[in-house]
Amino acid sequence: MSGHAAAATRRYRGRFAPSPTGDLHAGSLLAAFGSWLLARHHGGDWLVRIEDLDPPREVPGAAERQLRALAAFGLDSDETVVRQSMRHALYQHALDRLIDQGRAFVCRCSRSDLAAVGGIHRRCVTSSAEHKSAAPQAAIRLRVNDGDIVAFNDAIQGPQAQDLAREVGDFVLRRADGYWAYQLAVVVDDADQGITNVVRGADLLDSTGRQILLQRALGLPTPAYAHLPLLLDAHGRKLSKSDAARPLDPADPLPALRAAWRALGQSTQALDAVASVTETLDAARVSFNPAQIPNHVSGLAAMHNDPGANAV
């Protein structure tokens, strides 16, 4: 890989990487603000990457609205915004390496084919000639070996371990419809951009083992990981899956920034005297304490989405 990954020093480099499947909401802001605060706390860089590799799910104009919303909240990328849709050659190069190594293989198994084994691929079950002729398109998977257990220490969620062979199986790198899978793209991009610290929502904690295994297979560095608490609705659902997830209001950013600050476990008094986005971010940088970030949040999503809940 080229770029910052070969740098001799390991200056802190974090990122926020939304998919353009809709406008940013409170959960998005929590991830963006949390990753920005940690990057600033460590005197590092904060990058924005648009993960636009799934056209069927993308909403026209969403990426531009996301970037405008981030700017309204004072969260500007320290470098040019990268878009995954412009980086296909990098993903193909990584995939070719894995195929050449025998770590990746062609697979025509569908989800329904694997339903009997809980969706976990350990061997192809669609090898007949007639099935192949009926389904000419194929996915490419990473071969996961028996005993492939990945353990790491998450800075917020604590020690983690995952038996990938038993819990995940051989996972997709390129989908049968030709689109790149998230796991491969994010690993390639984090390495190419020299990301040292991945800070994101806890809904992606389960993906980390797969990404670390891919990093090892490709000979790439493994970043440090920190998975922020998720904002949940009153029914315990992730906010992005909930009707409560109204888009952020870029015209009135302070209430949402204060709510995200509270969700990150920080002292509300630190923002008492602020009256602008710039003052809010300056005060937050000074007062931010990573040790106060909780590993889960309850009851804050509804408060954020209540237009009357603007007081700190």
Protein backbone atom coordinates (compact mmCIF):
# COMPACT_ATOMS: atom_id res chain seq x y z
CA MET A 1 0.00 0.00 0.00
CA SER A 2 1.08 3.56 -0.64
CA GLY A 3 0.36 6.72 1.27
CA HIS A 4 0.76 7.37 4.96
CA ALA A 5 0.84 3.69 5.96
CA ALA A 6 4.58 3.58 5.28
CA ALA A 7 5.35 6.60 7.45
CA ALA A 8 8.01 6.04 10.08
CA THR A 9 6.11 7.88 12.77
CA ARG A 10 2.64 6.97 14.00
CA ARG A 11 0.99 10.33 14.49
CA TYR A 12 -2.60 9.87 15.61
CA ARG A 13 -4.91 9.76 12.60
CA GLY A 14 -8.63 9.18 13.05
CA ARG A 15 -11.57 9.32 10.70
CA PHE A 16 -15.35 9.48 10.33
CA ALA A 17 -16.73 7.42 7.46
CA PRO A 18 -20.48 7.77 6.81
CA SER A 19 -22.35 5.93 4.08
CA PRO A 20 -24.60 8.19 1.97
CA THR A 21 -27.76 6.22 2.70
CA GLY A 22 -29.51 9.19 4.31
CA ASP A 23 -28.96 12.40 6.24
CA LEU A 24 -26.89 12.50 9.41
CA HIS A 25 -28.83 11.96 12.64
CA ALA A 26 -27.99 12.05 16.35
CA GLY A 27 -26.19 8.72 16.26
CA SER A 28 -24.08 9.90 13.32
CA LEU A 29 -23.13 13.06 15.21
CA LEU A 30 -22.14 11.06 18.28
CA ALA A 31 -19.70 9.01 16.17
CA ALA A 32 -18.38 12.08 14.32
CA PHE A 33 -18.01 14.25 17.42
CA GLY A 34 -16.50 11.43 19.50
CA SER A 35 -13.91 10.55 16.88
CA TRP A 36 -13.11 14.25 16.35
CA LEU A 37 -12.66 14.84 20.09
CA LEU A 38 -10.33 11.87 20.48
CA ALA A 39 -8.24 12.98 17.51
CA ARG A 40 -7.94 16.50 18.90
CA HIS A 41 -7.23 15.19 22.42
CA HIS A 42 -4.23 13.30 21.03
CA GLY A 43 -3.06 16.20 18.86
CA GLY A 44 -3.79 14.24 15.71
CA ASP A 45 -5.56 14.47 12.38
CA TRP A 46 -9.25 13.84 11.70
CA LEU A 47 -10.35 12.74 8.24
CA VAL A 48 -13.72 12.28 6.56
CA ARG A 49 -14.28 9.44 4.10
CA ILE A 50 -17.52 8.86 2.18
CA GLU A 51 -18.21 5.13 1.99
CA ASP A 52 -20.24 5.12 -1.24
CA LEU A 53 -19.82 1.55 -2.46
CA ASP A 54 -23.44 0.39 -2.32
CA PRO A 55 -25.36 2.32 -5.02
CA PRO A 56 -28.67 0.46 -4.51
CA ARG A 57 -28.83 1.77 -0.93
CA GLU A 58 -27.51 5.28 -1.55
CA VAL A 59 -29.76 8.32 -1.47
CA PRO A 60 -29.09 10.93 -4.20
CA GLY A 61 -27.48 14.04 -2.73
CA ALA A 62 -27.01 12.47 0.72
CA ALA A 63 -23.20 12.67 0.66
CA GLU A 64 -23.26 16.39 -0.10
CA ARG A 65 -25.84 17.01 2.62
CA GLN A 66 -23.75 15.01 5.09
CA LEU A 67 -20.69 17.12 4.34
CA ARG A 68 -22.66 20.36 4.64
CA ALA A 69 -24.07 19.20 7.98
CA LEU A 70 -20.60 18.33 9.30
CA ALA A 71 -19.38 21.78 8.26
CA ALA A 72 -22.31 23.42 10.07
CA PHE A 73 -21.27 21.55 13.22
CA GLY A 74 -17.66 22.71 12.78
CA LEU A 75 -16.40 19.21 11.96
CA ASP A 76 -14.29 19.73 8.85
CA SER A 77 -11.89 17.12 7.53
CA ASP A 78 -8.21 17.98 7.96
CA GLU A 79 -7.52 16.57 4.50
CA THR A 80 -9.38 16.21 1.21
CA VAL A 81 -12.48 14.07 1.62
CA VAL A 82 -11.96 10.61 0.13
CA ARG A 83 -14.77 8.78 -1.66
CA GLN A 84 -14.61 5.01 -1.89
CA SER A 85 -16.30 5.05 -5.31
CA MET A 86 -13.06 6.48 -6.71
CA ARG A 87 -10.80 3.78 -5.26
CA HIS A 88 -11.76 0.58 -7.07
CA ALA A 89 -8.20 -0.07 -8.27
CA LEU A 90 -6.93 -0.23 -4.68
CA TYR A 91 -9.56 -2.79 -3.71
CA GLN A 92 -8.89 -4.89 -6.81
CA HIS A 93 -5.16 -4.92 -6.07
CA ALA A 94 -5.79 -6.16 -2.53
CA LEU A 95 -8.25 -8.80 -3.75
CA ASP A 96 -5.79 -10.04 -6.40
CA ARG A 97 -3.15 -10.49 -3.70
CA LEU A 98 -5.50 -12.56 -1.56
CA ILE A 99 -6.49 -14.73 -4.53
CA ASP A 100 -2.83 -15.26 -5.47
CA GLN A 101 -2.10 -16.30 -1.88
CA GLY A 102 -4.96 -18.79 -1.89
CA ARG A 103 -6.70 -16.83 0.88
CA ALA A 104 -9.67 -15.81 -1.29
CA PHE A 105 -11.91 -17.99 -3.46
CA VAL A 106 -14.91 -17.83 -5.76
CA CYS A 107 -18.23 -18.82 -4.18
CA ARG A 108 -21.73 -19.19 -5.64
CA CYS A 109 -23.48 -19.98 -2.37
CA SER A 110 -26.49 -17.79 -1.69
CA ARG A 111 -27.92 -16.82 1.68
CA SER A 112 -30.70 -19.35 1.23
CA ASP A 113 -28.12 -22.03 0.42
CA LEU A 114 -26.41 -21.35 3.74
CA ALA A 115 -29.57 -21.00 5.82
CA ALA A 116 -29.29 -24.56 7.13
CA VAL A 117 -25.92 -23.74 8.72
CA GLY A 118 -26.97 -20.42 10.20
CA GLY A 119 -25.55 -18.44 7.28
CA ILE A 120 -21.97 -19.38 8.22
CA HIS A 121 -19.92 -20.48 5.22
CA ARG A 122 -17.36 -23.22 5.91
CA ARG A 123 -17.50 -24.96 2.53
CA CYS A 124 -19.34 -24.33 -0.74
CA VAL A 125 -22.61 -26.20 -1.00
CA THR A 126 -23.46 -25.24 -4.60
CA SER A 127 -21.06 -27.22 -6.74
CA SER A 128 -23.43 -28.79 -9.29
CA ALA A 129 -23.08 -27.77 -12.93
CA GLU A 130 -26.75 -26.90 -13.28
CA HIS A 131 -26.63 -24.61 -10.24
CA LYS A 132 -23.59 -22.83 -11.62
CA SER A 133 -25.26 -22.31 -14.95
CA ALA A 134 -28.34 -20.92 -13.21
CA ALA A 135 -26.27 -18.52 -11.12
CA PRO A 136 -23.27 -17.38 -13.22
CA GLN A 137 -22.42 -14.51 -10.91
CA ALA A 138 -20.24 -15.35 -7.95
CA ALA A 139 -18.99 -13.71 -4.82
CA ILE A 140 -15.40 -13.85 -3.61
CA ARG A 141 -14.82 -14.81 0.02
CA LEU A 142 -11.88 -14.80 2.40
CA ARG A 143 -10.96 -18.28 3.56
CA VAL A 144 -11.19 -18.42 7.36
CA ASN A 145 -9.21 -21.28 8.89
CA ASP A 146 -10.36 -23.39 11.80
CA GLY A 147 -8.98 -21.85 14.96
CA ASP A 148 -8.81 -18.32 13.56
CA ILE A 149 -9.55 -16.46 16.79
CA VAL A 150 -8.98 -12.71 16.87
CA ALA A 151 -8.55 -10.97 20.21
CA PHE A 152 -8.05 -7.25 20.80
CA ASN A 153 -8.61 -4.67 23.51
CA ASP A 154 -11.19 -2.05 22.68
CA ALA A 155 -10.45 1.28 24.37
CA ILE A 156 -14.11 1.69 25.41
CA GLN A 157 -15.73 -1.76 25.29
CA GLY A 158 -12.77 -3.62 26.84
CA PRO A 159 -11.21 -7.00 25.89
CA GLN A 160 -12.81 -8.73 22.89
CA ALA A 161 -12.34 -12.14 21.29
CA GLN A 162 -14.08 -13.74 18.33
CA ASP A 163 -13.79 -17.26 16.90
CA LEU A 164 -14.23 -16.31 13.26
CA ALA A 165 -14.52 -19.86 11.93
CA ARG A 166 -17.38 -20.71 14.30
CA GLU A 167 -19.12 -17.34 14.55
CA VAL A 168 -18.58 -15.77 11.11
CA GLY A 169 -17.19 -18.24 8.60
CA ASP A 170 -15.65 -17.43 5.23
CA PHE A 171 -16.80 -13.89 4.58
CA VAL A 172 -17.47 -11.93 1.41
CA LEU A 173 -14.87 -9.57 -0.08
CA ARG A 174 -16.66 -8.86 -3.35
CA ARG A 175 -20.37 -9.44 -3.65
CA ALA A 176 -22.08 -11.52 -6.31
CA ASP A 177 -23.55 -8.31 -7.78
CA GLY A 178 -20.02 -7.02 -8.33
CA TYR A 179 -19.96 -4.44 -5.53
CA TRP A 180 -17.10 -4.37 -3.04
CA ALA A 181 -17.85 -5.61 0.45
CA TYR A 182 -17.46 -3.21 3.34
CA GLN A 183 -14.88 -5.36 5.14
CA LEU A 184 -12.32 -5.28 2.34
CA ALA A 185 -12.81 -1.63 1.41
CA VAL A 186 -12.53 -0.30 4.95
CA VAL A 187 -9.34 -2.27 5.63
CA VAL A 188 -7.70 -1.06 2.43
CA ASP A 189 -8.73 2.55 3.02
CA ASP A 190 -7.67 2.67 6.67
CA ALA A 191 -4.23 1.38 5.71
CA ASP A 192 -3.83 3.63 2.67
CA GLN A 193 -4.85 6.70 4.69
CA GLY A 194 -2.58 5.79 7.58
CA ILE A 195 -5.42 5.56 10.11
CA THR A 196 -3.96 4.71 13.50
CA ASN A 197 -7.15 4.86 15.57
CA VAL A 198 -10.58 3.69 14.44
CA VAL A 199 -13.32 5.33 16.53
CA ARG A 200 -16.87 4.38 15.54
CA GLY A 201 -20.20 3.12 16.86
CA ALA A 202 -20.47 -0.12 18.83
CA ASP A 203 -22.70 -1.58 16.10
CA LEU A 204 -19.47 -2.19 14.15
CA LEU A 205 -17.70 -3.98 17.01
CA ASP A 206 -18.63 -7.35 15.48
CA SER A 207 -16.84 -6.42 12.22
CA THR A 208 -13.51 -5.73 13.90
CA GLY A 209 -12.35 -9.35 14.07
CA ARG A 210 -12.87 -9.78 10.33
CA GLN A 211 -10.99 -6.57 9.61
CA ILE A 212 -8.04 -7.55 11.79
CA LEU A 213 -7.85 -10.95 10.07
CA LEU A 214 -7.85 -9.19 6.70
CA GLN A 215 -5.13 -6.80 7.86
CA ARG A 216 -2.98 -9.75 8.83
CA ALA A 217 -3.61 -11.53 5.52
CA LEU A 218 -2.60 -8.40 3.59
CA GLY A 219 0.37 -7.55 5.85
CA LEU A 220 -1.21 -4.25 6.91
CA PRO A 221 -0.92 -2.50 10.29
CA THR A 222 -3.78 -2.92 12.76
CA PRO A 223 -5.14 0.35 14.17
CA ALA A 224 -6.26 0.80 17.76
CA TYR A 225 -10.04 0.47 18.13
CA ALA A 226 -12.57 2.35 20.24
CA HIS A 227 -16.29 1.67 19.81
CA LEU A 228 -18.53 4.43 21.07
CA PRO A 229 -21.87 3.74 22.77
CA LEU A 230 -24.95 3.62 20.57
CA LEU A 231 -27.89 5.93 20.91
CA LEU A 232 -31.02 3.80 21.27
CA ASP A 233 -34.68 4.69 21.02
CA ALA A 234 -37.24 4.01 23.75
CA HIS A 235 -37.61 0.43 22.47
CA GLY A 236 -33.88 -0.29 22.61
CA ARG A 237 -33.37 -0.14 18.85
CA LYS A 238 -30.34 1.47 17.25
CA LEU A 239 -31.31 5.05 16.43
CA SER A 240 -30.58 4.75 12.71
CA LYS A 241 -33.14 1.93 12.51
CA SER A 242 -35.76 3.94 14.36
CA ASP A 243 -38.46 6.39 13.36
CA ALA A 244 -37.00 8.63 16.08
CA ALA A 245 -33.87 9.24 14.01
CA ARG A 246 -34.78 12.61 12.57
CA PRO A 247 -32.08 14.34 10.51
CA LEU A 248 -29.85 16.83 12.28
CA ASP A 249 -30.72 20.49 11.87
CA PRO A 250 -27.60 22.27 10.52
CA ALA A 251 -29.31 25.61 11.12
CA ASP A 252 -29.41 24.98 14.89
CA PRO A 253 -26.31 22.90 15.75
CA LEU A 254 -25.77 23.74 19.44
CA PRO A 255 -28.54 21.57 20.97
CA ALA A 256 -27.35 18.50 19.07
CA LEU A 257 -23.69 19.14 19.97
CA ARG A 258 -24.62 19.47 23.64
CA ALA A 259 -26.66 16.28 23.53
CA ALA A 260 -23.77 14.39 21.92
CA TRP A 261 -21.42 15.81 24.57
CA ARG A 262 -23.70 14.45 27.30
CA ALA A 263 -23.95 11.07 25.57
CA LEU A 264 -20.15 10.91 25.61
CA GLY A 265 -20.27 11.18 29.41
CA GLN A 266 -18.74 14.64 29.59
CA SER A 267 -19.39 17.40 32.12
CA THR A 268 -22.35 19.53 31.09
CA GLN A 269 -20.92 22.53 32.96
CA ALA A 270 -18.05 22.70 30.47
CA LEU A 271 -20.40 24.05 27.82
CA ASP A 272 -22.48 26.36 30.01
CA ALA A 273 -21.02 29.60 28.72
CA VAL A 274 -20.74 28.82 25.01
CA ALA A 275 -22.82 30.65 22.45
CA SER A 276 -21.47 29.46 19.09
CA VAL A 277 -20.20 26.34 17.38
CA THR A 278 -16.62 27.59 17.53
CA GLU A 279 -16.86 28.30 21.26
CA THR A 280 -18.47 24.90 21.82
CA LEU A 281 -15.72 23.01 20.04
CA ASP A 282 -12.99 25.05 21.76
CA ALA A 283 -14.49 24.41 25.20
CA ALA A 284 -15.01 20.74 24.39
CA ARG A 285 -11.39 20.28 23.34
CA VAL A 286 -10.17 21.73 26.62
CA SER A 287 -12.55 19.80 28.88
CA PHE A 288 -12.81 16.44 27.08
CA ASN A 289 -11.90 13.42 29.20
CA PRO A 290 -11.80 10.10 27.28
CA ALA A 291 -11.99 8.13 30.52
CA GLN A 292 -15.56 9.37 31.02
CA ILE A 293 -16.94 7.85 27.81
CA PRO A 294 -19.49 5.18 28.81
CA ASN A 295 -19.66 1.82 27.07
CA HIS A 296 -23.41 2.17 26.67
CA VAL A 297 -26.00 4.95 26.70
CA SER A 298 -29.66 4.77 27.64
CA GLY A 299 -32.44 7.33 27.51
CA LEU A 300 -30.56 9.97 25.54
CA ALA A 301 -31.88 9.42 22.03
CA ALA A 302 -35.39 10.57 22.78
CA MET A 303 -34.07 13.61 24.62
CA HIS A 304 -31.96 14.60 21.63
CA ASN A 305 -34.91 14.33 19.29
CA ASP A 306 -37.18 16.40 21.51
CA PRO A 307 -37.17 19.93 20.03
CA GLY A 308 -37.76 21.34 23.50
CA ALA A 309 -34.79 19.64 25.10
CA ASN A 310 -32.25 22.34 24.29
CA ALA A 311 -30.95 23.12 27.75
CA VAL A 312 -27.64 21.71 28.91
